[in-house]
Each structure stands twice: as C-alpha cells, then as structure tokens.
C-alpha atoms as a PDB file:
ATOM      1  CA  ARG A   1      11.970 -16.916  -9.731  1.00  0.00           C
ATOM      2  CA  ASN A   2      11.565 -14.813  -6.296  1.00  0.00           C
ATOM      3  CA  HIS A   3      14.278 -12.558  -7.221  1.00  0.00           C
ATOM      4  CA  GLU A   4      12.420 -11.852 -10.763  1.00  0.00           C
ATOM      5  CA  ILE A   5       9.344 -10.964  -8.985  1.00  0.00           C
ATOM      6  CA  ARG A   6      10.895  -8.965  -6.099  1.00  0.00           C
ATOM      7  CA  GLU A   7      12.655  -6.929  -9.483  1.00  0.00           C
ATOM      8  CA  PHE A   8       9.528  -6.764 -11.527  1.00  0.00           C
ATOM      9  CA  LEU A   9       7.647  -5.906  -8.379  1.00  0.00           C
ATOM     10  CA  ASP A  10       9.491  -2.815  -6.229  1.00  0.00           C
ATOM     11  CA  PRO A  11       9.311  -0.044  -8.200  1.00  0.00           C
ATOM     12  CA  ILE A  12       5.417  -0.302  -8.329  1.00  0.00           C
ATOM     13  CA  GLU A  13       5.904  -1.227  -4.309  1.00  0.00           C
ATOM     14  CA  ARG A  14       8.170   2.139  -4.014  1.00  0.00           C
ATOM     15  CA  ARG A  15       5.774   4.377  -6.494  1.00  0.00           C
ATOM     16  CA  CYS A  16       2.716   3.063  -4.214  1.00  0.00           C
ATOM     17  CA  ALA A  17       4.581   4.228  -0.959  1.00  0.00           C
ATOM     18  CA  VAL A  18       5.135   7.754  -2.476  1.00  0.00           C
ATOM     19  CA  ARG A  19       1.493   7.884  -3.677  1.00  0.00           C
ATOM     20  CA  ASN A  20       0.335   7.096   0.001  1.00  0.00           C
ATOM     21  CA  GLU A  21       2.580   9.624   1.778  1.00  0.00           C
ATOM     22  CA  LYS A  22       1.102  12.322  -0.638  1.00  0.00           C
ATOM     23  CA  ALA A  23      -2.467  11.007  -0.192  1.00  0.00           C
ATOM     24  CA  ALA A  24      -1.940  10.992   3.834  1.00  0.00           C
ATOM     25  CA  LEU A  25      -0.495  14.008   3.896  1.00  0.00           C
ATOM     26  CA  GLN A  26      -3.534  15.825   1.650  1.00  0.00           C
ATOM     27  CA  GLN A  27      -5.605  13.821   4.422  1.00  0.00           C
ATOM     28  CA  LEU A  28      -3.976  15.045   7.381  1.00  0.00           C
ATOM     29  CA  LEU A  29      -3.368  18.766   6.038  1.00  0.00           C
ATOM     30  CA  PRO A  30      -7.077  19.918   6.887  1.00  0.00           C
ATOM     31  CA  ALA A  31      -6.732  18.665  10.217  1.00  0.00           C
ATOM     32  CA  TYR A  32      -3.478  20.748  11.032  1.00  0.00           C
ATOM     33  CA  ALA A  33      -5.141  23.373   9.473  1.00  0.00           C
ATOM     34  CA  GLY A  34      -7.760  23.632  11.901  1.00  0.00           C
ATOM     35  CA  TYR A  35      -5.986  22.291  14.679  1.00  0.00           C
ATOM     36  CA  THR A  36      -4.044  25.693  14.306  1.00  0.00           C
ATOM     37  CA  LEU A  37      -6.975  27.809  13.058  1.00  0.00           C
ATOM     38  CA  SER A  38      -8.584  26.628  16.755  1.00  0.00           C
ATOM     39  CA  LEU A  39      -5.680  27.527  18.744  1.00  0.00           C
ATOM     40  CA  VAL A  40      -5.682  30.842  17.281  1.00  0.00           C
ATOM     41  CA  THR A  41      -9.255  31.986  16.807  1.00  0.00           C
ATOM     42  CA  GLY A  42     -10.078  29.596  20.107  1.00  0.00           C
ATOM     43  CA  ASN A  43     -13.166  28.486  18.014  1.00  0.00           C
ATOM     44  CA  PRO A  44     -13.517  24.916  18.187  1.00  0.00           C
ATOM     45  CA  LEU A  45     -15.373  24.400  14.948  1.00  0.00           C
ATOM     46  CA  PRO A  46     -12.266  24.496  12.290  1.00  0.00           C
ATOM     47  CA  LEU A  47     -11.035  21.818  14.926  1.00  0.00           C
ATOM     48  CA  LEU A  48     -14.047  19.043  14.155  1.00  0.00           C
ATOM     49  CA  ILE A  49     -14.161  20.154  10.500  1.00  0.00           C
ATOM     50  CA  GLY A  50     -10.379  19.160  10.244  1.00  0.00           C
ATOM     51  CA  ALA A  51     -11.325  16.098  12.299  1.00  0.00           C
ATOM     52  CA  ALA A  52     -14.038  15.344  10.040  1.00  0.00           C
ATOM     53  CA  ALA A  53     -11.562  15.115   7.185  1.00  0.00           C
ATOM     54  CA  LEU A  54      -9.829  12.224   8.997  1.00  0.00           C
ATOM     55  CA  THR A  55     -12.468  10.136   8.536  1.00  0.00           C
ATOM     56  CA  GLY A  56     -12.879   9.788   5.526  1.00  0.00           C
ATOM     57  CA  PRO A  57     -12.475   6.714   3.547  1.00  0.00           C
ATOM     58  CA  ASP A  58      -8.104   5.606   2.629  1.00  0.00           C
ATOM     59  CA  PRO A  59      -8.342   6.760  -0.995  1.00  0.00           C
ATOM     60  CA  MET A  60      -5.009   4.212  -1.413  1.00  0.00           C
ATOM     61  CA  MET A  61      -6.658   1.158  -0.003  1.00  0.00           C
ATOM     62  CA  GLU A  62      -8.013  -0.423  -3.280  1.00  0.00           C
ATOM     63  CA  GLU A  63      -4.151   0.283  -4.975  1.00  0.00           C
ATOM     64  CA  ASN A  64      -2.265  -1.100  -1.862  1.00  0.00           C
ATOM     65  CA  SER A  65      -4.515  -3.957  -1.911  1.00  0.00           C
ATOM     66  CA  ASN A  66      -3.663  -4.492  -5.209  1.00  0.00           C
ATOM     67  CA  VAL A  67       0.178  -4.255  -4.823  1.00  0.00           C
ATOM     68  CA  HIS A  68      -0.118  -6.847  -2.354  1.00  0.00           C
ATOM     69  CA  GLY A  69      -2.359  -8.926  -4.136  1.00  0.00           C
ATOM     70  CA  PHE A  70       0.526  -9.230  -6.996  1.00  0.00           C
ATOM     71  CA  ARG A  71       3.047  -9.761  -4.592  1.00  0.00           C
ATOM     72  CA  GLY A  72       1.140 -13.381  -3.045  1.00  0.00           C
ATOM     73  CA  LEU A  73       0.522 -14.448  -6.370  1.00  0.00           C
ATOM     74  CA  GLY A  74       3.940 -13.753  -7.934  1.00  0.00           C
ATOM     75  CA  SER A  75       5.039 -15.623  -4.907  1.00  0.00           C
ATOM     76  CA  ARG A  76       2.509 -18.647  -5.219  1.00  0.00           C
ATOM     77  CA  THR A  77       3.782 -19.149  -9.028  1.00  0.00           C
ATOM     78  CA  GLY A  78       6.967 -19.329  -8.458  1.00  0.00           C
ATOM     79  CA  ASP A  79       6.398 -21.658  -5.874  1.00  0.00           C
ATOM     80  CA  MET A  80       4.063 -23.917  -8.083  1.00  0.00           C
ATOM     81  CA  GLU A  81       7.127 -24.065 -10.610  1.00  0.00           C
ATOM     82  CA  THR A  82       9.531 -24.786  -8.021  1.00  0.00           C
ATOM     83  CA  ALA A  83       7.149 -27.748  -7.016  1.00  0.00           C
ATOM     84  CA  GLY A  84       7.019 -28.612 -10.963  1.00  0.00           C
ATOM     85  CA  LEU A  85      10.334 -28.694 -11.504  1.00  0.00           C
ATOM     86  CA  LEU A  86      11.258 -31.015  -8.459  1.00  0.00           C
ATOM     87  CA  ASP A  87       8.228 -33.203  -9.890  1.00  0.00           C
ATOM     88  CA  GLU A  88       9.893 -33.505 -12.910  1.00  0.00           C
ATOM     89  CA  ASN A  89      13.314 -34.155 -11.562  1.00  0.00           C
ATOM     90  CA  GLU A  90      11.915 -37.219  -9.392  1.00  0.00           C
ATOM     91  CA  PHE A  91      10.584 -38.488 -12.865  1.00  0.00           C
ATOM     92  CA  ASP A  92      13.343 -38.122 -14.273  1.00  0.00           C
ATOM     93  CA  ASP A  93      15.557 -40.359 -12.106  1.00  0.00           C
ATOM     94  CA  ASP A  94      13.904 -43.649 -13.019  1.00  0.00           C
END
C-alpha cells in the first residue's frame, strides 16, 4: 500500500518542487536586482525595495501543506488497512 501511495504521489511532489523553485526565483529576483542597483548607483533605496519583496507571504505554502497532508493521510490509510488485515488473520485462526 505504501508503495502504491508513493508511486502515486511522487510525480505530484516533483511537480510541487519545480513550482517551489520557480516561485522562489520570482521572489528573489527583485531582491537581487535591488542589491545590484544599489551597488551600481550607491543608493540604498533599491536595496530596501528589493528586501521588501522578501517579506511577502509564501505563495506556495498552501500547496506544500496540501501535498504533505496527502502523504500523511495515505500513510494512515495504509496503516489502518494493514491493521485490519492483521485482525482478520487473527480471527481466521479460530
């Protein structure tokens, strides 16, 4: 059961990781641009504006928590199935 769940969720987790990397790049790009502009011009204002982009909420947080929740739910379901099958084997011995 755990193998089936892993087989089903691995592509979803890989896709989520790719989306996380893209979102992180989009979030870091203004900070790097502001840092570079501050170095070139000697003005700290672009650096502050770029740093403000880093303080925003994580756009992928909800999606990441959903994927981890699916993994946990699948594991619990697999554990319940295993426990149920073990109980059935105990009753078959009688």
